[in-house]
Amino acid sequence: MNKDKIIFWICTAIVAVLIGLTPILTWNDPDGKALMEHLGYPSYFAPMLNTFKILGAIALLVPQIPSKIKEWAYAGFAIDFIAATVSLVVVDGPVGLSFFPLAFLVFLVISYIYKEKLAK
């Protein structure tokens, strides 16, 4: 396996496993519900978002998924990470943890860049 493929899979796995597995493990977590309430989101929003995160993680990890579907997953995760950062900054101010979702955005961007590089 070459260096580009290793970088792609490490970054993709970080995003897909952490963002895709977390909703499964915390589906009914009271702390997760409290955070969504604190941010001002309605109670139906978290289950819907979690469903899309799980589907997006599957799309990123399964090689047989068509490229166009993967593009949508990358776009959805990018919007999610940016929106999460904005929500945290607006509600809590620009504190350190407010920018935590941007760390995942960095891994997502690297994954996307190397996906495109490997496709050539």
N, C-alpha and C. Protein backbone atom coordinates (compact mmCIF):
# COMPACT_ATOMS: atom_id res chain seq x y z
N MET A 1 0.86 -1.18 0.00
CA MET A 1 0.00 0.00 0.00
C MET A 1 0.90 1.24 0.00
N ASN A 2 0.62 2.16 -0.90
CA ASN A 2 1.48 3.34 -0.99
C ASN A 2 1.09 4.41 0.04
N LYS A 3 1.94 5.40 0.16
CA LYS A 3 1.77 6.45 1.17
C LYS A 3 0.44 7.19 1.01
N ASP A 4 0.06 7.52 -0.21
CA ASP A 4 -1.19 8.25 -0.45
C ASP A 4 -2.40 7.46 0.03
N LYS A 5 -2.39 6.17 -0.25
CA LYS A 5 -3.52 5.32 0.15
C LYS A 5 -3.59 5.21 1.68
N ILE A 6 -2.44 5.14 2.33
CA ILE A 6 -2.40 5.05 3.79
C ILE A 6 -2.95 6.34 4.41
N ILE A 7 -2.51 7.48 3.90
CA ILE A 7 -3.01 8.77 4.41
C ILE A 7 -4.52 8.86 4.20
N PHE A 8 -4.98 8.48 3.01
CA PHE A 8 -6.42 8.51 2.72
C PHE A 8 -7.19 7.67 3.72
N TRP A 9 -6.77 6.43 3.93
CA TRP A 9 -7.54 5.54 4.79
C TRP A 9 -7.47 5.93 6.25
N ILE A 10 -6.35 6.46 6.71
CA ILE A 10 -6.27 6.91 8.10
C ILE A 10 -7.22 8.07 8.34
N CYS A 11 -7.18 9.08 7.47
CA CYS A 11 -8.05 10.25 7.63
C CYS A 11 -9.52 9.88 7.46
N THR A 12 -9.81 9.04 6.49
CA THR A 12 -11.19 8.60 6.27
C THR A 12 -11.70 7.81 7.46
N ALA A 13 -10.87 6.93 7.99
CA ALA A 13 -11.27 6.13 9.15
C ALA A 13 -11.51 7.00 10.37
N ILE A 14 -10.67 8.00 10.59
CA ILE A 14 -10.88 8.90 11.73
C ILE A 14 -12.24 9.56 11.63
N VAL A 15 -12.56 10.10 10.47
CA VAL A 15 -13.85 10.77 10.29
C VAL A 15 -14.99 9.77 10.39
N ALA A 16 -14.92 8.70 9.62
CA ALA A 16 -16.03 7.76 9.54
C ALA A 16 -16.28 7.01 10.84
N VAL A 17 -15.22 6.56 11.47
CA VAL A 17 -15.40 5.78 12.70
C VAL A 17 -15.83 6.68 13.85
N LEU A 18 -15.14 7.79 14.05
CA LEU A 18 -15.51 8.65 15.17
C LEU A 18 -16.85 9.34 14.97
N ILE A 19 -17.11 9.82 13.77
CA ILE A 19 -18.36 10.52 13.53
C ILE A 19 -19.49 9.54 13.23
N GLY A 20 -19.20 8.41 12.64
CA GLY A 20 -20.23 7.42 12.34
C GLY A 20 -20.56 6.52 13.51
N LEU A 21 -19.57 6.21 14.34
CA LEU A 21 -19.78 5.31 15.47
C LEU A 21 -20.34 6.04 16.68
N THR A 22 -19.95 7.28 16.87
CA THR A 22 -20.42 8.05 18.03
C THR A 22 -21.95 8.12 18.11
N PRO A 23 -22.66 8.40 17.01
CA PRO A 23 -24.12 8.43 17.11
C PRO A 23 -24.72 7.09 17.54
N ILE A 24 -24.12 5.98 17.11
CA ILE A 24 -24.62 4.67 17.50
C ILE A 24 -24.47 4.47 19.00
N LEU A 25 -23.32 4.87 19.53
CA LEU A 25 -23.04 4.67 20.95
C LEU A 25 -23.78 5.65 21.85
N THR A 26 -24.15 6.80 21.32
CA THR A 26 -24.75 7.85 22.16
C THR A 26 -26.18 8.21 21.74
N TRP A 27 -26.85 7.30 21.04
CA TRP A 27 -28.17 7.60 20.47
C TRP A 27 -29.13 8.16 21.52
N ASN A 28 -29.19 7.56 22.69
CA ASN A 28 -30.11 8.01 23.75
C ASN A 28 -29.37 8.59 24.94
N ASP A 29 -28.19 9.10 24.72
CA ASP A 29 -27.38 9.65 25.79
C ASP A 29 -27.97 10.96 26.31
N PRO A 30 -28.21 11.07 27.62
CA PRO A 30 -28.77 12.31 28.17
C PRO A 30 -27.86 13.53 27.96
N ASP A 31 -26.54 13.33 27.99
CA ASP A 31 -25.63 14.45 27.78
C ASP A 31 -25.73 14.98 26.35
N GLY A 32 -25.87 14.08 25.39
CA GLY A 32 -26.03 14.49 23.99
C GLY A 32 -27.32 15.27 23.80
N LYS A 33 -28.39 14.79 24.42
CA LYS A 33 -29.67 15.49 24.33
C LYS A 33 -29.58 16.86 24.99
N ALA A 34 -28.88 16.93 26.13
CA ALA A 34 -28.72 18.21 26.83
C ALA A 34 -27.91 19.19 25.99
N LEU A 35 -26.88 18.71 25.30
CA LEU A 35 -26.08 19.59 24.45
C LEU A 35 -26.92 20.15 23.31
N MET A 36 -27.69 19.29 22.67
CA MET A 36 -28.54 19.77 21.56
C MET A 36 -29.56 20.78 22.06
N GLU A 37 -30.11 20.54 23.24
CA GLU A 37 -31.06 21.49 23.83
C GLU A 37 -30.35 22.80 24.16
N HIS A 38 -29.15 22.70 24.72
CA HIS A 38 -28.35 23.88 25.06
C HIS A 38 -28.08 24.73 23.82
N LEU A 39 -27.85 24.07 22.69
CA LEU A 39 -27.57 24.78 21.45
C LEU A 39 -28.84 25.31 20.78
N GLY A 40 -30.00 24.93 21.31
CA GLY A 40 -31.26 25.45 20.80
C GLY A 40 -31.91 24.63 19.71
N TYR A 41 -31.45 23.40 19.51
CA TYR A 41 -32.02 22.55 18.47
C TYR A 41 -33.24 21.80 19.01
N PRO A 42 -34.24 21.55 18.16
CA PRO A 42 -35.41 20.79 18.60
C PRO A 42 -35.05 19.33 18.86
N SER A 43 -35.88 18.65 19.62
CA SER A 43 -35.57 17.27 20.04
C SER A 43 -35.50 16.29 18.86
N TYR A 44 -36.17 16.57 17.77
CA TYR A 44 -36.14 15.65 16.63
C TYR A 44 -34.86 15.79 15.80
N PHE A 45 -34.09 16.83 16.03
CA PHE A 45 -32.93 17.12 15.18
C PHE A 45 -31.80 16.11 15.37
N ALA A 46 -31.49 15.75 16.61
CA ALA A 46 -30.36 14.85 16.87
C ALA A 46 -30.55 13.47 16.25
N PRO A 47 -31.71 12.81 16.41
CA PRO A 47 -31.86 11.50 15.76
C PRO A 47 -31.74 11.58 14.23
N MET A 48 -32.27 12.65 13.65
CA MET A 48 -32.17 12.82 12.21
C MET A 48 -30.70 13.01 11.79
N LEU A 49 -29.99 13.87 12.51
CA LEU A 49 -28.58 14.12 12.22
C LEU A 49 -27.76 12.85 12.41
N ASN A 50 -28.04 12.11 13.48
CA ASN A 50 -27.31 10.86 13.73
C ASN A 50 -27.52 9.85 12.61
N THR A 51 -28.74 9.77 12.10
CA THR A 51 -29.02 8.85 11.00
C THR A 51 -28.19 9.22 9.78
N PHE A 52 -28.14 10.50 9.46
CA PHE A 52 -27.35 10.94 8.30
C PHE A 52 -25.85 10.74 8.53
N LYS A 53 -25.39 10.90 9.77
CA LYS A 53 -23.97 10.67 10.06
C LYS A 53 -23.60 9.20 9.84
N ILE A 54 -24.46 8.31 10.29
CA ILE A 54 -24.20 6.88 10.11
C ILE A 54 -24.18 6.53 8.62
N LEU A 55 -25.16 7.02 7.88
CA LEU A 55 -25.20 6.77 6.43
C LEU A 55 -23.98 7.37 5.72
N GLY A 56 -23.57 8.56 6.15
CA GLY A 56 -22.39 9.20 5.56
C GLY A 56 -21.12 8.42 5.84
N ALA A 57 -21.00 7.90 7.06
CA ALA A 57 -19.83 7.10 7.41
C ALA A 57 -19.76 5.84 6.56
N ILE A 58 -20.91 5.20 6.37
CA ILE A 58 -20.95 4.01 5.52
C ILE A 58 -20.53 4.37 4.09
N ALA A 59 -21.04 5.49 3.60
CA ALA A 59 -20.70 5.92 2.23
C ALA A 59 -19.20 6.15 2.07
N LEU A 60 -18.57 6.72 3.09
CA LEU A 60 -17.13 6.98 3.00
C LEU A 60 -16.31 5.69 3.07
N LEU A 61 -16.76 4.73 3.85
CA LEU A 61 -15.95 3.53 4.10
C LEU A 61 -16.10 2.43 3.05
N VAL A 62 -17.25 2.32 2.44
CA VAL A 62 -17.50 1.21 1.52
C VAL A 62 -17.01 1.58 0.12
N PRO A 63 -15.99 0.88 -0.37
CA PRO A 63 -15.41 1.23 -1.68
C PRO A 63 -16.39 1.13 -2.85
N GLN A 64 -17.40 0.26 -2.75
CA GLN A 64 -18.32 0.06 -3.86
C GLN A 64 -19.37 1.17 -4.00
N ILE A 65 -19.44 2.06 -3.03
CA ILE A 65 -20.40 3.17 -3.10
C ILE A 65 -19.97 4.09 -4.25
N PRO A 66 -20.89 4.49 -5.11
CA PRO A 66 -20.53 5.37 -6.24
C PRO A 66 -19.92 6.69 -5.77
N SER A 67 -19.03 7.21 -6.58
CA SER A 67 -18.29 8.43 -6.26
C SER A 67 -19.22 9.62 -5.98
N LYS A 68 -20.31 9.73 -6.73
CA LYS A 68 -21.25 10.85 -6.52
C LYS A 68 -21.87 10.80 -5.13
N ILE A 69 -22.17 9.61 -4.64
CA ILE A 69 -22.73 9.46 -3.28
C ILE A 69 -21.67 9.87 -2.26
N LYS A 70 -20.42 9.47 -2.50
CA LYS A 70 -19.34 9.86 -1.60
C LYS A 70 -19.19 11.38 -1.56
N GLU A 71 -19.34 12.03 -2.72
CA GLU A 71 -19.27 13.50 -2.78
C GLU A 71 -20.31 14.12 -1.85
N TRP A 72 -21.52 13.57 -1.89
CA TRP A 72 -22.59 14.08 -1.02
C TRP A 72 -22.24 13.86 0.45
N ALA A 73 -21.64 12.73 0.76
CA ALA A 73 -21.25 12.45 2.14
C ALA A 73 -20.18 13.44 2.60
N TYR A 74 -19.18 13.69 1.75
CA TYR A 74 -18.16 14.68 2.10
C TYR A 74 -18.78 16.06 2.32
N ALA A 75 -19.68 16.45 1.42
CA ALA A 75 -20.33 17.76 1.55
C ALA A 75 -21.16 17.83 2.82
N GLY A 76 -21.90 16.77 3.11
CA GLY A 76 -22.72 16.74 4.31
C GLY A 76 -21.90 16.85 5.58
N PHE A 77 -20.80 16.11 5.64
CA PHE A 77 -19.93 16.19 6.81
C PHE A 77 -19.30 17.58 6.93
N ALA A 78 -18.89 18.16 5.82
CA ALA A 78 -18.30 19.51 5.87
C ALA A 78 -19.31 20.51 6.42
N ILE A 79 -20.54 20.44 5.92
CA ILE A 79 -21.59 21.34 6.42
C ILE A 79 -21.83 21.08 7.91
N ASP A 80 -21.87 19.82 8.31
CA ASP A 80 -22.08 19.48 9.71
C ASP A 80 -20.98 20.06 10.61
N PHE A 81 -19.72 19.90 10.21
CA PHE A 81 -18.61 20.38 11.04
C PHE A 81 -18.60 21.90 11.14
N ILE A 82 -18.88 22.56 10.03
CA ILE A 82 -18.91 24.03 10.03
C ILE A 82 -20.10 24.52 10.85
N ALA A 83 -21.27 23.91 10.66
CA ALA A 83 -22.46 24.32 11.41
C ALA A 83 -22.29 24.06 12.91
N ALA A 84 -21.65 22.95 13.26
CA ALA A 84 -21.41 22.65 14.67
C ALA A 84 -20.50 23.71 15.29
N THR A 85 -19.47 24.09 14.56
CA THR A 85 -18.56 25.13 15.06
C THR A 85 -19.30 26.45 15.24
N VAL A 86 -20.08 26.84 14.24
CA VAL A 86 -20.83 28.10 14.32
C VAL A 86 -21.80 28.04 15.50
N SER A 87 -22.52 26.94 15.66
CA SER A 87 -23.47 26.80 16.77
C SER A 87 -22.77 26.95 18.11
N LEU A 88 -21.65 26.28 18.28
CA LEU A 88 -20.92 26.34 19.54
C LEU A 88 -20.38 27.74 19.81
N VAL A 89 -19.86 28.40 18.80
CA VAL A 89 -19.32 29.75 18.98
C VAL A 89 -20.44 30.74 19.30
N VAL A 90 -21.57 30.63 18.60
CA VAL A 90 -22.68 31.56 18.84
C VAL A 90 -23.24 31.40 20.25
N VAL A 91 -23.38 30.16 20.71
CA VAL A 91 -24.00 29.91 22.01
C VAL A 91 -23.01 30.09 23.15
N ASP A 92 -21.81 29.55 23.01
CA ASP A 92 -20.84 29.55 24.12
C ASP A 92 -19.71 30.55 23.97
N GLY A 93 -19.62 31.21 22.84
CA GLY A 93 -18.51 32.12 22.61
C GLY A 93 -17.32 31.35 22.05
N PRO A 94 -16.30 32.10 21.64
CA PRO A 94 -15.14 31.46 20.99
C PRO A 94 -14.18 30.83 22.00
N VAL A 95 -14.65 29.80 22.70
CA VAL A 95 -13.78 29.07 23.62
C VAL A 95 -13.15 27.90 22.88
N GLY A 96 -12.12 27.31 23.46
CA GLY A 96 -11.36 26.27 22.79
C GLY A 96 -12.17 25.13 22.22
N LEU A 97 -13.11 24.58 23.00
CA LEU A 97 -13.89 23.44 22.53
C LEU A 97 -14.86 23.81 21.42
N SER A 98 -15.13 25.08 21.26
CA SER A 98 -16.03 25.51 20.18
C SER A 98 -15.45 25.17 18.81
N PHE A 99 -14.15 25.07 18.73
CA PHE A 99 -13.49 24.84 17.45
C PHE A 99 -13.13 23.37 17.23
N PHE A 100 -13.53 22.50 18.16
CA PHE A 100 -13.23 21.07 18.06
C PHE A 100 -13.74 20.45 16.75
N PRO A 101 -14.96 20.78 16.29
CA PRO A 101 -15.42 20.20 15.02
C PRO A 101 -14.53 20.53 13.83
N LEU A 102 -13.80 21.63 13.90
CA LEU A 102 -12.91 21.99 12.79
C LEU A 102 -11.75 21.00 12.66
N ALA A 103 -11.38 20.35 13.76
CA ALA A 103 -10.33 19.33 13.69
C ALA A 103 -10.79 18.18 12.79
N PHE A 104 -12.06 17.81 12.92
CA PHE A 104 -12.60 16.76 12.05
C PHE A 104 -12.68 17.25 10.61
N LEU A 105 -12.95 18.53 10.43
CA LEU A 105 -12.99 19.09 9.08
C LEU A 105 -11.63 18.97 8.40
N VAL A 106 -10.56 19.16 9.15
CA VAL A 106 -9.21 19.03 8.60
C VAL A 106 -8.99 17.59 8.09
N PHE A 107 -9.36 16.60 8.91
CA PHE A 107 -9.22 15.20 8.48
C PHE A 107 -10.10 14.91 7.27
N LEU A 108 -11.30 15.50 7.25
CA LEU A 108 -12.21 15.31 6.12
C LEU A 108 -11.62 15.88 4.83
N VAL A 109 -11.05 17.07 4.91
CA VAL A 109 -10.46 17.71 3.73
C VAL A 109 -9.27 16.89 3.23
N ILE A 110 -8.43 16.42 4.14
CA ILE A 110 -7.29 15.60 3.74
C ILE A 110 -7.79 14.31 3.08
N SER A 111 -8.80 13.69 3.66
CA SER A 111 -9.38 12.48 3.07
C SER A 111 -9.87 12.76 1.66
N TYR A 112 -10.58 13.85 1.48
CA TYR A 112 -11.12 14.20 0.16
C TYR A 112 -10.01 14.46 -0.86
N ILE A 113 -8.99 15.21 -0.44
CA ILE A 113 -7.87 15.51 -1.34
C ILE A 113 -7.20 14.21 -1.80
N TYR A 114 -6.97 13.30 -0.86
CA TYR A 114 -6.31 12.05 -1.23
C TYR A 114 -7.24 11.11 -1.99
N LYS A 115 -8.54 11.19 -1.77
CA LYS A 115 -9.50 10.41 -2.57
C LYS A 115 -9.40 10.83 -4.03
N GLU A 116 -9.37 12.14 -4.24
CA GLU A 116 -9.25 12.66 -5.61
C GLU A 116 -7.90 12.30 -6.23
N LYS A 117 -6.85 12.38 -5.41
CA LYS A 117 -5.50 12.05 -5.90
C LYS A 117 -5.42 10.58 -6.31
N LEU A 118 -6.03 9.71 -5.52
CA LEU A 118 -6.00 8.28 -5.82
C LEU A 118 -6.88 7.92 -7.01
N ALA A 119 -7.89 8.73 -7.28
CA ALA A 119 -8.80 8.45 -8.39
C ALA A 119 -8.16 8.73 -9.75
N LYS A 120 -7.09 9.52 -9.75
CA LYS A 120 -6.42 9.88 -11.02
C LYS A 120 -5.51 8.79 -11.50
